[in-house]
Structures are given as C-alpha cells and as structure tokens.
Amino acid sequence: MSSFVSDYSIKAMELLEEAQTATDEFAAKTQIKCREGCGQCCLKPGIEVQVVEMLPLAMSLVENSEADKWYDQAARDPSGRCVFYAPDPRDETLGRCQQYALRPSLCRLFGFAAVSTKDTKHPALAACFWHKRLQPETVAAAQTAIDNGTEVPLFADFHMRMFALAPTPSLSEIMPINQALMFAIEKVELLARQKDAK
C-alpha cells in the first residue's frame, strides 16, 4: 500500500480516536448515554463526511479484500443510508454499525458534541432526539455544565482539523457517506495499483 495513503490514514485514525476519547469523557462527566442498541442517527440518508476520514476504513476493506463488495453496495444508493448500518428487522431504529471501530467523526460525536453560534454565549449541545426525550434533565444539566466551563467536543473543531489533515483538496471534500466511501476506496486502490506497477 502507498506510504502516502498509509500515512494520512494513520493520522486520520488518530484524530478519529481523539474524537472518540473526547466523546467518552464528556459522556462520563454528564451521564448522557445512548438508548441501548439505538441506531436512530444512522437512519438519515446522505449523512455527510469528509473523504479523508474514510481512508482508514477504505484501507481496511482493500487489505481484507472486501472493498468491491462494499463499493458495489454504496454505488446502488450513493446518497442513501450508510451501507454499514445493519438495522434490527423488528425495529429499524435499533441496529448496529458493521464497521464501528473505523466509523467517521460525525458518528462518534453525534449527540455528545456541541456547536457554536453567533447567537449563543456558550456552545450549544447538539443532543439527539432520544437524549432529549428519555433524559431531558440530564441534557439540561449537561448544557448548564457547558455554560459553567465543562469541556465539550466541538463539531467544528474536529471538522477543521480533519480538513487541515487532508493532503489534497479532493480528500477534504464533504459528500454523502456512501459517496465518500466510494471515493476513498478508489483513491486507495489507485495508489495500490501504482505501487504494484513500479
């Protein structure tokens, strides 16, 4: 595999792991937690991510000879629901990610990160539907903690750091997750072929 791709894949994975750590720490401080087995956030079609953060996953798929299978699935619905979400047949809001360890930053941060706006003095926690419905007091307490200085992951922070990490403009592009997966696989396979041709 090209060292170029490998190096940036490693850097992207390090940033993804940092996002996970920040999320875990915030969850521990505030006691916000996901509904058991919940996959509600995975149901939205066309969730957008940066191509660069899909490199670790693309590399893993190529190295394990699974890239073609997942590429073809993504190509059937490039702007649709993430191909890696496996819903419970009895309730599609329950399910699991088939590539959980390599999922992009939005999947790690959603429900446990905040956004900054011109209209708010402090970052606003972007709690999910189920957090607000099942844990309204906990969510309110978490926002109060943020207002009082508790550190919270920021979507914009990780977005900009991932953007800065991308070695080329094409890898910093934001697109629906299935399209980003396809693009990342294409990039990894292209560079692998170039290496083999030398």
N, C-alpha and C. Protein backbone atom coordinates (compact mmCIF):
# COMPACT_ATOMS: atom_id res chain seq x y z
N MET A 1 0.85 -1.20 0.00
CA MET A 1 0.00 0.00 0.00
C MET A 1 0.88 1.24 0.00
N SER A 2 0.49 2.27 -0.74
CA SER A 2 1.26 3.51 -0.80
C SER A 2 1.47 4.09 0.59
N SER A 3 2.73 4.48 0.86
CA SER A 3 3.01 5.10 2.17
C SER A 3 2.27 6.42 2.29
N PHE A 4 2.00 7.08 1.15
CA PHE A 4 1.26 8.34 1.14
C PHE A 4 -0.12 8.13 1.75
N VAL A 5 -0.83 7.13 1.25
CA VAL A 5 -2.16 6.83 1.77
C VAL A 5 -2.08 6.33 3.20
N SER A 6 -1.12 5.45 3.44
CA SER A 6 -0.98 4.87 4.77
C SER A 6 -0.72 5.94 5.83
N ASP A 7 0.16 6.88 5.53
CA ASP A 7 0.49 7.94 6.50
C ASP A 7 -0.73 8.77 6.86
N TYR A 8 -1.49 9.17 5.85
CA TYR A 8 -2.66 10.01 6.11
C TYR A 8 -3.80 9.21 6.72
N SER A 9 -3.85 7.94 6.40
CA SER A 9 -4.84 7.07 7.04
C SER A 9 -4.56 6.95 8.53
N ILE A 10 -3.30 6.81 8.88
CA ILE A 10 -2.91 6.71 10.29
C ILE A 10 -3.24 8.00 11.02
N LYS A 11 -2.93 9.14 10.39
CA LYS A 11 -3.22 10.44 11.02
C LYS A 11 -4.72 10.64 11.19
N ALA A 12 -5.49 10.24 10.18
CA ALA A 12 -6.95 10.37 10.27
C ALA A 12 -7.48 9.49 11.39
N MET A 13 -6.94 8.28 11.51
CA MET A 13 -7.39 7.36 12.56
C MET A 13 -7.06 7.91 13.93
N GLU A 14 -5.91 8.55 14.07
CA GLU A 14 -5.54 9.15 15.36
C GLU A 14 -6.53 10.24 15.75
N LEU A 15 -6.96 11.03 14.76
CA LEU A 15 -7.92 12.09 15.04
C LEU A 15 -9.30 11.51 15.36
N LEU A 16 -9.67 10.45 14.68
CA LEU A 16 -10.94 9.78 14.97
C LEU A 16 -10.93 9.22 16.39
N GLU A 17 -9.82 8.65 16.79
CA GLU A 17 -9.71 8.11 18.15
C GLU A 17 -9.75 9.23 19.19
N GLU A 18 -9.18 10.38 18.84
CA GLU A 18 -9.24 11.53 19.74
C GLU A 18 -10.68 12.00 19.91
N ALA A 19 -11.43 12.00 18.81
CA ALA A 19 -12.85 12.37 18.88
C ALA A 19 -13.61 11.39 19.77
N GLN A 20 -13.28 10.11 19.66
CA GLN A 20 -13.94 9.11 20.48
C GLN A 20 -13.63 9.31 21.96
N THR A 21 -12.36 9.61 22.26
CA THR A 21 -11.97 9.84 23.65
C THR A 21 -12.69 11.05 24.22
N ALA A 22 -12.77 12.12 23.43
CA ALA A 22 -13.46 13.33 23.88
C ALA A 22 -14.94 13.05 24.15
N THR A 23 -15.54 12.26 23.28
CA THR A 23 -16.95 11.89 23.45
C THR A 23 -17.14 11.05 24.72
N ASP A 24 -16.27 10.07 24.89
CA ASP A 24 -16.38 9.19 26.06
C ASP A 24 -16.22 9.98 27.36
N GLU A 25 -15.28 10.92 27.36
CA GLU A 25 -15.04 11.72 28.57
C GLU A 25 -16.23 12.62 28.88
N PHE A 26 -16.81 13.22 27.84
CA PHE A 26 -17.97 14.09 28.05
C PHE A 26 -19.16 13.26 28.54
N ALA A 27 -19.35 12.09 27.97
CA ALA A 27 -20.45 11.22 28.39
C ALA A 27 -20.28 10.81 29.85
N ALA A 28 -19.05 10.53 30.24
CA ALA A 28 -18.80 10.13 31.63
C ALA A 28 -19.07 11.28 32.60
N LYS A 29 -18.71 12.49 32.20
CA LYS A 29 -18.91 13.65 33.06
C LYS A 29 -20.39 13.99 33.22
N THR A 30 -21.15 13.84 32.15
CA THR A 30 -22.54 14.31 32.14
C THR A 30 -23.57 13.20 32.33
N GLN A 31 -23.13 11.95 32.17
CA GLN A 31 -24.02 10.78 32.29
C GLN A 31 -25.03 10.68 31.15
N ILE A 32 -24.80 11.41 30.07
CA ILE A 32 -25.63 11.22 28.87
C ILE A 32 -25.24 9.89 28.24
N LYS A 33 -26.21 9.12 27.84
CA LYS A 33 -25.91 7.84 27.20
C LYS A 33 -26.94 7.53 26.13
N CYS A 34 -26.52 6.73 25.18
CA CYS A 34 -27.42 6.35 24.10
C CYS A 34 -28.41 5.29 24.58
N ARG A 35 -29.58 5.30 23.97
CA ARG A 35 -30.56 4.24 24.20
C ARG A 35 -29.92 2.91 23.80
N GLU A 36 -30.11 1.89 24.57
CA GLU A 36 -29.46 0.61 24.30
C GLU A 36 -29.81 0.10 22.91
N GLY A 37 -28.76 -0.19 22.12
CA GLY A 37 -28.95 -0.72 20.78
C GLY A 37 -29.42 0.29 19.76
N CYS A 38 -29.42 1.57 20.11
CA CYS A 38 -30.00 2.58 19.24
C CYS A 38 -29.18 2.80 17.97
N GLY A 39 -29.91 2.94 16.86
CA GLY A 39 -29.28 3.26 15.59
C GLY A 39 -30.04 4.37 14.87
N GLN A 40 -30.83 5.13 15.61
CA GLN A 40 -31.67 6.18 15.02
C GLN A 40 -30.85 7.14 14.16
N CYS A 41 -29.67 7.52 14.65
CA CYS A 41 -28.88 8.50 13.91
C CYS A 41 -28.35 7.95 12.59
N CYS A 42 -28.33 6.63 12.46
CA CYS A 42 -27.83 6.01 11.22
C CYS A 42 -28.89 5.94 10.13
N LEU A 43 -30.14 6.26 10.48
CA LEU A 43 -31.23 6.13 9.52
C LEU A 43 -31.28 7.27 8.51
N LYS A 44 -30.72 8.41 8.87
CA LYS A 44 -30.80 9.56 7.99
C LYS A 44 -30.00 9.32 6.71
N PRO A 45 -30.64 9.46 5.55
CA PRO A 45 -29.89 9.27 4.30
C PRO A 45 -28.97 10.45 4.02
N GLY A 46 -27.87 10.17 3.37
CA GLY A 46 -26.99 11.23 2.91
C GLY A 46 -26.19 11.92 3.99
N ILE A 47 -25.95 11.27 5.13
CA ILE A 47 -25.09 11.87 6.15
C ILE A 47 -23.75 12.22 5.51
N GLU A 48 -23.28 13.44 5.74
CA GLU A 48 -22.09 13.92 5.03
C GLU A 48 -20.83 13.86 5.89
N VAL A 49 -19.74 13.41 5.27
CA VAL A 49 -18.44 13.31 5.93
C VAL A 49 -17.37 13.75 4.94
N GLN A 50 -16.16 13.95 5.46
CA GLN A 50 -15.03 14.26 4.59
C GLN A 50 -14.40 12.96 4.10
N VAL A 51 -13.93 12.98 2.88
CA VAL A 51 -13.34 11.77 2.29
C VAL A 51 -12.15 11.29 3.11
N VAL A 52 -11.32 12.21 3.59
CA VAL A 52 -10.09 11.82 4.30
C VAL A 52 -10.38 10.95 5.51
N GLU A 53 -11.52 11.18 6.18
CA GLU A 53 -11.80 10.39 7.38
C GLU A 53 -12.32 9.00 7.05
N MET A 54 -12.55 8.74 5.76
CA MET A 54 -12.94 7.39 5.33
C MET A 54 -11.73 6.57 4.89
N LEU A 55 -10.54 7.17 4.86
CA LEU A 55 -9.35 6.44 4.42
C LEU A 55 -9.04 5.22 5.29
N PRO A 56 -9.08 5.34 6.64
CA PRO A 56 -8.78 4.14 7.43
C PRO A 56 -9.71 2.97 7.11
N LEU A 57 -10.98 3.27 6.93
CA LEU A 57 -11.96 2.23 6.60
C LEU A 57 -11.69 1.67 5.21
N ALA A 58 -11.44 2.56 4.25
CA ALA A 58 -11.17 2.12 2.88
C ALA A 58 -9.93 1.23 2.83
N MET A 59 -8.89 1.62 3.55
CA MET A 59 -7.67 0.80 3.58
C MET A 59 -7.95 -0.58 4.15
N SER A 60 -8.71 -0.63 5.22
CA SER A 60 -9.04 -1.91 5.84
C SER A 60 -9.81 -2.81 4.88
N LEU A 61 -10.77 -2.22 4.17
CA LEU A 61 -11.58 -3.00 3.23
C LEU A 61 -10.72 -3.53 2.08
N VAL A 62 -9.84 -2.68 1.56
CA VAL A 62 -8.96 -3.11 0.46
C VAL A 62 -8.02 -4.22 0.93
N GLU A 63 -7.42 -4.03 2.09
CA GLU A 63 -6.47 -5.01 2.61
C GLU A 63 -7.13 -6.35 2.93
N ASN A 64 -8.42 -6.32 3.25
CA ASN A 64 -9.15 -7.55 3.58
C ASN A 64 -10.01 -8.07 2.43
N SER A 65 -9.76 -7.53 1.23
CA SER A 65 -10.46 -7.97 0.01
C SER A 65 -11.98 -7.84 0.13
N GLU A 66 -12.43 -6.80 0.82
CA GLU A 66 -13.87 -6.56 0.96
C GLU A 66 -14.31 -5.28 0.26
N ALA A 67 -13.38 -4.60 -0.38
CA ALA A 67 -13.68 -3.29 -0.96
C ALA A 67 -14.73 -3.38 -2.06
N ASP A 68 -14.61 -4.37 -2.94
CA ASP A 68 -15.54 -4.46 -4.07
C ASP A 68 -16.98 -4.65 -3.59
N LYS A 69 -17.15 -5.50 -2.58
CA LYS A 69 -18.50 -5.77 -2.05
C LYS A 69 -19.14 -4.49 -1.53
N TRP A 70 -18.41 -3.76 -0.71
CA TRP A 70 -18.98 -2.55 -0.11
C TRP A 70 -19.08 -1.42 -1.11
N TYR A 71 -18.15 -1.36 -2.05
CA TYR A 71 -18.23 -0.33 -3.09
C TYR A 71 -19.51 -0.51 -3.90
N ASP A 72 -19.78 -1.75 -4.28
CA ASP A 72 -20.98 -2.03 -5.08
C ASP A 72 -22.25 -1.69 -4.31
N GLN A 73 -22.27 -1.98 -3.02
CA GLN A 73 -23.45 -1.64 -2.21
C GLN A 73 -23.63 -0.13 -2.13
N ALA A 74 -22.53 0.58 -1.93
CA ALA A 74 -22.60 2.04 -1.85
C ALA A 74 -23.05 2.63 -3.18
N ALA A 75 -22.60 2.04 -4.28
CA ALA A 75 -22.93 2.56 -5.61
C ALA A 75 -24.41 2.42 -5.93
N ARG A 76 -25.09 1.48 -5.29
CA ARG A 76 -26.52 1.30 -5.54
C ARG A 76 -27.34 2.46 -4.99
N ASP A 77 -26.83 3.13 -3.97
CA ASP A 77 -27.55 4.27 -3.38
C ASP A 77 -26.54 5.24 -2.78
N PRO A 78 -25.82 5.98 -3.64
CA PRO A 78 -24.72 6.83 -3.18
C PRO A 78 -25.14 7.90 -2.18
N SER A 79 -26.38 8.36 -2.27
CA SER A 79 -26.85 9.42 -1.37
C SER A 79 -27.79 8.89 -0.30
N GLY A 80 -27.85 7.58 -0.17
CA GLY A 80 -28.79 6.97 0.77
C GLY A 80 -28.21 6.71 2.14
N ARG A 81 -28.89 5.85 2.86
CA ARG A 81 -28.47 5.47 4.21
C ARG A 81 -27.11 4.77 4.15
N CYS A 82 -26.31 4.98 5.17
CA CYS A 82 -24.98 4.36 5.24
C CYS A 82 -25.09 2.85 5.04
N VAL A 83 -24.26 2.32 4.15
CA VAL A 83 -24.34 0.90 3.83
C VAL A 83 -23.91 0.01 4.99
N PHE A 84 -23.22 0.58 5.96
CA PHE A 84 -22.72 -0.24 7.06
C PHE A 84 -23.73 -0.41 8.20
N TYR A 85 -24.85 0.29 8.11
CA TYR A 85 -25.85 0.16 9.17
C TYR A 85 -26.67 -1.10 8.96
N ALA A 86 -26.71 -1.95 9.97
CA ALA A 86 -27.50 -3.18 9.93
C ALA A 86 -28.65 -3.05 10.91
N PRO A 87 -29.85 -2.68 10.44
CA PRO A 87 -30.99 -2.47 11.34
C PRO A 87 -31.56 -3.78 11.87
N ASP A 88 -32.15 -3.69 13.03
CA ASP A 88 -32.90 -4.82 13.58
C ASP A 88 -34.16 -4.97 12.74
N PRO A 89 -34.44 -6.16 12.22
CA PRO A 89 -35.62 -6.35 11.36
C PRO A 89 -36.94 -6.03 12.05
N ARG A 90 -36.95 -6.05 13.38
CA ARG A 90 -38.18 -5.76 14.12
C ARG A 90 -38.36 -4.27 14.39
N ASP A 91 -37.25 -3.52 14.36
CA ASP A 91 -37.30 -2.08 14.64
C ASP A 91 -36.06 -1.44 14.04
N GLU A 92 -36.24 -0.73 12.93
CA GLU A 92 -35.08 -0.21 12.22
C GLU A 92 -34.34 0.88 12.99
N THR A 93 -34.94 1.43 14.03
CA THR A 93 -34.22 2.41 14.85
C THR A 93 -33.22 1.74 15.78
N LEU A 94 -33.29 0.42 15.85
CA LEU A 94 -32.30 -0.35 16.60
C LEU A 94 -31.43 -1.09 15.60
N GLY A 95 -30.16 -1.13 15.85
CA GLY A 95 -29.26 -1.81 14.92
C GLY A 95 -27.82 -1.61 15.31
N ARG A 96 -26.93 -1.92 14.37
CA ARG A 96 -25.51 -1.78 14.68
C ARG A 96 -24.73 -1.38 13.44
N CYS A 97 -23.58 -0.79 13.67
CA CYS A 97 -22.66 -0.44 12.60
C CYS A 97 -21.73 -1.63 12.36
N GLN A 98 -21.60 -2.01 11.10
CA GLN A 98 -20.76 -3.16 10.77
C GLN A 98 -19.28 -2.80 10.68
N GLN A 99 -18.98 -1.50 10.82
CA GLN A 99 -17.58 -1.05 10.81
C GLN A 99 -17.38 -0.05 11.94
N TYR A 100 -17.90 -0.38 13.10
CA TYR A 100 -17.96 0.55 14.23
C TYR A 100 -16.59 1.13 14.59
N ALA A 101 -15.57 0.31 14.61
CA ALA A 101 -14.24 0.77 15.05
C ALA A 101 -13.62 1.78 14.09
N LEU A 102 -14.09 1.80 12.85
CA LEU A 102 -13.49 2.67 11.83
C LEU A 102 -14.45 3.75 11.35
N ARG A 103 -15.55 3.94 12.06
CA ARG A 103 -16.56 4.91 11.62
C ARG A 103 -16.00 6.34 11.68
N PRO A 104 -16.56 7.25 10.86
CA PRO A 104 -16.05 8.63 10.80
C PRO A 104 -16.43 9.46 12.02
N SER A 105 -15.92 10.69 12.05
CA SER A 105 -16.03 11.52 13.26
C SER A 105 -17.47 11.88 13.61
N LEU A 106 -18.31 12.18 12.62
CA LEU A 106 -19.69 12.56 12.92
C LEU A 106 -20.40 11.45 13.69
N CYS A 107 -20.13 10.21 13.33
CA CYS A 107 -20.75 9.07 14.00
C CYS A 107 -20.29 8.95 15.45
N ARG A 108 -19.09 9.42 15.72
CA ARG A 108 -18.54 9.36 17.08
C ARG A 108 -19.04 10.53 17.93
N LEU A 109 -19.21 11.68 17.31
CA LEU A 109 -19.53 12.90 18.04
C LEU A 109 -21.02 13.14 18.23
N PHE A 110 -21.83 12.61 17.31
CA PHE A 110 -23.25 12.96 17.30
C PHE A 110 -23.92 12.67 18.64
N GLY A 111 -24.61 13.69 19.16
CA GLY A 111 -25.31 13.56 20.43
C GLY A 111 -24.46 13.90 21.64
N PHE A 112 -23.15 14.01 21.43
CA PHE A 112 -22.24 14.27 22.54
C PHE A 112 -21.30 15.43 22.27
N ALA A 113 -21.58 16.20 21.23
CA ALA A 113 -20.74 17.34 20.87
C ALA A 113 -21.61 18.58 20.75
N ALA A 114 -20.95 19.72 20.62
CA ALA A 114 -21.68 20.99 20.62
C ALA A 114 -21.34 21.82 19.39
N VAL A 115 -22.21 22.79 19.14
CA VAL A 115 -21.99 23.74 18.05
C VAL A 115 -21.92 25.14 18.65
N SER A 116 -21.13 25.97 18.03
CA SER A 116 -21.03 27.37 18.46
C SER A 116 -21.76 28.24 17.44
N THR A 117 -22.55 29.17 17.92
CA THR A 117 -23.26 30.08 17.04
C THR A 117 -23.06 31.51 17.51
N LYS A 118 -23.35 32.44 16.64
CA LYS A 118 -23.23 33.86 16.99
C LYS A 118 -24.26 34.27 18.04
N ASP A 119 -25.33 33.50 18.10
CA ASP A 119 -26.44 33.87 18.99
C ASP A 119 -26.30 33.33 20.41
N THR A 120 -25.32 32.46 20.62
CA THR A 120 -25.17 31.87 21.95
C THR A 120 -23.82 32.22 22.54
N LYS A 121 -23.81 32.50 23.83
CA LYS A 121 -22.56 32.83 24.52
C LYS A 121 -21.70 31.60 24.68
N HIS A 122 -22.35 30.46 24.89
CA HIS A 122 -21.63 29.21 25.10
C HIS A 122 -22.01 28.21 24.00
N PRO A 123 -21.16 27.22 23.74
CA PRO A 123 -21.52 26.19 22.77
C PRO A 123 -22.83 25.51 23.16
N ALA A 124 -23.61 25.16 22.17
CA ALA A 124 -24.91 24.51 22.42
C ALA A 124 -24.79 23.01 22.15
N LEU A 125 -25.12 22.22 23.13
CA LEU A 125 -25.06 20.77 22.99
C LEU A 125 -26.06 20.31 21.94
N ALA A 126 -25.58 19.54 20.98
CA ALA A 126 -26.46 19.01 19.93
C ALA A 126 -26.93 17.62 20.35
N ALA A 127 -27.77 17.58 21.38
CA ALA A 127 -28.29 16.30 21.87
C ALA A 127 -29.23 15.70 20.84
N CYS A 128 -29.28 14.39 20.78
CA CYS A 128 -30.14 13.74 19.80
C CYS A 128 -31.58 13.65 20.30
N PHE A 129 -32.46 13.22 19.41
CA PHE A 129 -33.89 13.09 19.71
C PHE A 129 -34.13 12.25 20.95
N TRP A 130 -33.47 11.09 21.04
CA TRP A 130 -33.71 10.18 22.16
C TRP A 130 -33.11 10.70 23.45
N HIS A 131 -31.97 11.40 23.36
CA HIS A 131 -31.42 12.01 24.57
C HIS A 131 -32.43 12.98 25.17
N LYS A 132 -32.97 13.83 24.33
CA LYS A 132 -33.93 14.85 24.80
C LYS A 132 -35.22 14.22 25.32
N ARG A 133 -35.62 13.13 24.69
CA ARG A 133 -36.89 12.50 25.08
C ARG A 133 -36.76 11.67 26.35
N LEU A 134 -35.66 10.92 26.46
CA LEU A 134 -35.51 9.99 27.58
C LEU A 134 -34.72 10.55 28.75
N GLN A 135 -33.88 11.57 28.48
CA GLN A 135 -33.03 12.12 29.54
C GLN A 135 -33.07 13.65 29.56
N PRO A 136 -34.24 14.26 29.56
CA PRO A 136 -34.31 15.72 29.45
C PRO A 136 -33.57 16.44 30.58
N GLU A 137 -33.67 15.91 31.79
CA GLU A 137 -32.99 16.57 32.91
C GLU A 137 -31.47 16.45 32.77
N THR A 138 -31.02 15.29 32.31
CA THR A 138 -29.58 15.08 32.12
C THR A 138 -29.04 15.98 31.03
N VAL A 139 -29.80 16.13 29.95
CA VAL A 139 -29.38 17.01 28.86
C VAL A 139 -29.32 18.45 29.33
N ALA A 140 -30.33 18.88 30.08
CA ALA A 140 -30.34 20.25 30.61
C ALA A 140 -29.17 20.48 31.54
N ALA A 141 -28.87 19.49 32.38
CA ALA A 141 -27.74 19.61 33.31
C ALA A 141 -26.42 19.66 32.55
N ALA A 142 -26.34 18.91 31.46
CA ALA A 142 -25.12 18.92 30.64
C ALA A 142 -24.89 20.29 30.01
N GLN A 143 -25.98 20.91 29.52
CA GLN A 143 -25.84 22.25 28.95
C GLN A 143 -25.42 23.25 30.01
N THR A 144 -25.97 23.12 31.20
CA THR A 144 -25.57 24.00 32.30
C THR A 144 -24.09 23.82 32.62
N ALA A 145 -23.64 22.57 32.60
CA ALA A 145 -22.23 22.30 32.86
C ALA A 145 -21.34 22.94 31.79
N ILE A 146 -21.78 22.87 30.54
CA ILE A 146 -21.04 23.52 29.45
C ILE A 146 -20.99 25.02 29.68
N ASP A 147 -22.13 25.59 30.04
CA ASP A 147 -22.19 27.03 30.31
C ASP A 147 -21.25 27.43 31.44
N ASN A 148 -21.01 26.49 32.35
CA ASN A 148 -20.14 26.77 33.50
C ASN A 148 -18.69 26.37 33.27
N GLY A 149 -18.39 25.98 32.02
CA GLY A 149 -16.99 25.73 31.69
C GLY A 149 -16.58 24.29 31.46
N THR A 150 -17.49 23.35 31.58
CA THR A 150 -17.14 21.95 31.30
C THR A 150 -16.76 21.80 29.84
N GLU A 151 -15.64 21.15 29.60
CA GLU A 151 -15.16 20.98 28.22
C GLU A 151 -16.08 20.03 27.46
N VAL A 152 -16.39 20.41 26.23
CA VAL A 152 -17.26 19.61 25.38
C VAL A 152 -16.64 19.53 23.99
N PRO A 153 -16.71 18.38 23.34
CA PRO A 153 -16.20 18.30 21.96
C PRO A 153 -17.00 19.24 21.06
N LEU A 154 -16.32 19.86 20.11
CA LEU A 154 -16.97 20.76 19.16
C LEU A 154 -16.91 20.15 17.76
N PHE A 155 -18.05 20.09 17.11
CA PHE A 155 -18.08 19.57 15.74
C PHE A 155 -17.11 20.33 14.85
N ALA A 156 -17.14 21.66 14.95
CA ALA A 156 -16.33 22.49 14.06
C ALA A 156 -14.84 22.25 14.26
N ASP A 157 -14.44 22.01 15.49
CA ASP A 157 -13.03 21.78 15.79
C ASP A 157 -12.52 20.54 15.07
N PHE A 158 -13.23 19.44 15.21
CA PHE A 158 -12.79 18.21 14.56
C PHE A 158 -12.94 18.29 13.05
N HIS A 159 -13.96 19.00 12.59
CA HIS A 159 -14.13 19.18 11.15
C HIS A 159 -12.94 19.93 10.55
N MET A 160 -12.54 21.02 11.18
CA MET A 160 -11.44 21.82 10.64
C MET A 160 -10.11 21.10 10.76
N ARG A 161 -9.92 20.36 11.82
CA ARG A 161 -8.67 19.61 11.97
C ARG A 161 -8.59 18.49 10.94
N MET A 162 -9.70 17.86 10.65
CA MET A 162 -9.71 16.83 9.62
C MET A 162 -9.49 17.47 8.24
N PHE A 163 -10.09 18.63 8.04
CA PHE A 163 -9.91 19.36 6.78
C PHE A 163 -8.44 19.70 6.57
N ALA A 164 -7.78 20.17 7.63
CA ALA A 164 -6.37 20.55 7.54
C ALA A 164 -5.48 19.33 7.31
N LEU A 165 -5.95 18.18 7.73
CA LEU A 165 -5.17 16.96 7.59
C LEU A 165 -5.13 16.46 6.15
N ALA A 166 -6.18 16.72 5.38
CA ALA A 166 -6.29 16.20 4.02
C ALA A 166 -5.15 16.72 3.16
N PRO A 167 -4.40 15.83 2.50
CA PRO A 167 -3.25 16.26 1.71
C PRO A 167 -3.60 16.89 0.37
N THR A 168 -4.82 16.65 -0.10
CA THR A 168 -5.26 17.22 -1.38
C THR A 168 -6.69 17.73 -1.22
N PRO A 169 -7.09 18.72 -2.04
CA PRO A 169 -8.46 19.24 -1.95
C PRO A 169 -9.53 18.17 -2.13
N SER A 170 -9.26 17.19 -2.99
CA SER A 170 -10.27 16.15 -3.23
C SER A 170 -10.55 15.32 -1.98
N LEU A 171 -9.53 15.14 -1.14
CA LEU A 171 -9.71 14.34 0.07
C LEU A 171 -10.38 15.13 1.19
N SER A 172 -10.42 16.46 1.05
CA SER A 172 -11.11 17.27 2.05
C SER A 172 -12.56 17.54 1.67
N GLU A 173 -12.97 17.04 0.51
CA GLU A 173 -14.35 17.25 0.07
C GLU A 173 -15.35 16.62 1.04
N ILE A 174 -16.48 17.28 1.19
CA ILE A 174 -17.57 16.77 2.01
C ILE A 174 -18.64 16.21 1.08
N MET A 175 -19.06 14.99 1.34
CA MET A 175 -20.07 14.35 0.49
C MET A 175 -20.82 13.29 1.29
N PRO A 176 -21.96 12.82 0.77
CA PRO A 176 -22.69 11.76 1.46
C PRO A 176 -21.77 10.58 1.77
N ILE A 177 -22.00 9.95 2.90
CA ILE A 177 -21.06 8.94 3.41
C ILE A 177 -20.80 7.81 2.42
N ASN A 178 -21.81 7.36 1.69
CA ASN A 178 -21.58 6.29 0.73
C ASN A 178 -20.70 6.75 -0.43
N GLN A 179 -20.89 7.99 -0.87
CA GLN A 179 -20.04 8.54 -1.92
C GLN A 179 -18.61 8.71 -1.41
N ALA A 180 -18.47 9.18 -0.18
CA ALA A 180 -17.14 9.37 0.40
C ALA A 180 -16.42 8.03 0.51
N LEU A 181 -17.15 7.00 0.86
CA LEU A 181 -16.57 5.66 0.93
C LEU A 181 -16.07 5.23 -0.45
N MET A 182 -16.90 5.41 -1.47
CA MET A 182 -16.52 5.03 -2.82
C MET A 182 -15.27 5.78 -3.27
N PHE A 183 -15.24 7.08 -3.01
CA PHE A 183 -14.10 7.90 -3.42
C PHE A 183 -12.84 7.44 -2.70
N ALA A 184 -12.96 7.16 -1.40
CA ALA A 184 -11.79 6.73 -0.62
C ALA A 184 -11.27 5.39 -1.12
N ILE A 185 -12.17 4.47 -1.42
CA ILE A 185 -11.76 3.17 -1.95
C ILE A 185 -11.05 3.35 -3.28
N GLU A 186 -11.61 4.19 -4.14
CA GLU A 186 -10.98 4.45 -5.44
C GLU A 186 -9.57 4.99 -5.27
N LYS A 187 -9.40 5.92 -4.33
CA LYS A 187 -8.09 6.52 -4.10
C LYS A 187 -7.10 5.47 -3.59
N VAL A 188 -7.52 4.68 -2.62
CA VAL A 188 -6.64 3.65 -2.05
C VAL A 188 -6.26 2.61 -3.11
N GLU A 189 -7.24 2.16 -3.89
CA GLU A 189 -6.96 1.15 -4.91
C GLU A 189 -6.07 1.70 -6.02
N LEU A 190 -6.28 2.96 -6.39
CA LEU A 190 -5.45 3.58 -7.43
C LEU A 190 -4.00 3.62 -7.00
N LEU A 191 -3.76 4.08 -5.80
CA LEU A 191 -2.38 4.19 -5.32
C LEU A 191 -1.76 2.82 -5.09
N ALA A 192 -2.58 1.84 -4.73
CA ALA A 192 -2.07 0.48 -4.58
C ALA A 192 -1.63 -0.08 -5.93
N ARG A 193 -2.42 0.19 -6.98
CA ARG A 193 -2.06 -0.27 -8.32
C ARG A 193 -0.79 0.42 -8.81
N GLN A 194 -0.66 1.70 -8.52
CA GLN A 194 0.53 2.44 -8.93
C GLN A 194 1.77 1.86 -8.26
N LYS A 195 1.64 1.49 -7.00
CA LYS A 195 2.77 0.90 -6.28
C LYS A 195 3.14 -0.45 -6.89
N ASP A 196 2.11 -1.27 -7.21
CA ASP A 196 2.36 -2.60 -7.77
C ASP A 196 3.01 -2.51 -9.15
N ALA A 197 2.73 -1.42 -9.87
CA ALA A 197 3.25 -1.26 -11.23
C ALA A 197 4.72 -0.87 -11.25
N LYS A 198 5.23 -0.39 -10.12
CA LYS A 198 6.64 0.05 -10.06
C LYS A 198 7.58 -1.14 -10.00
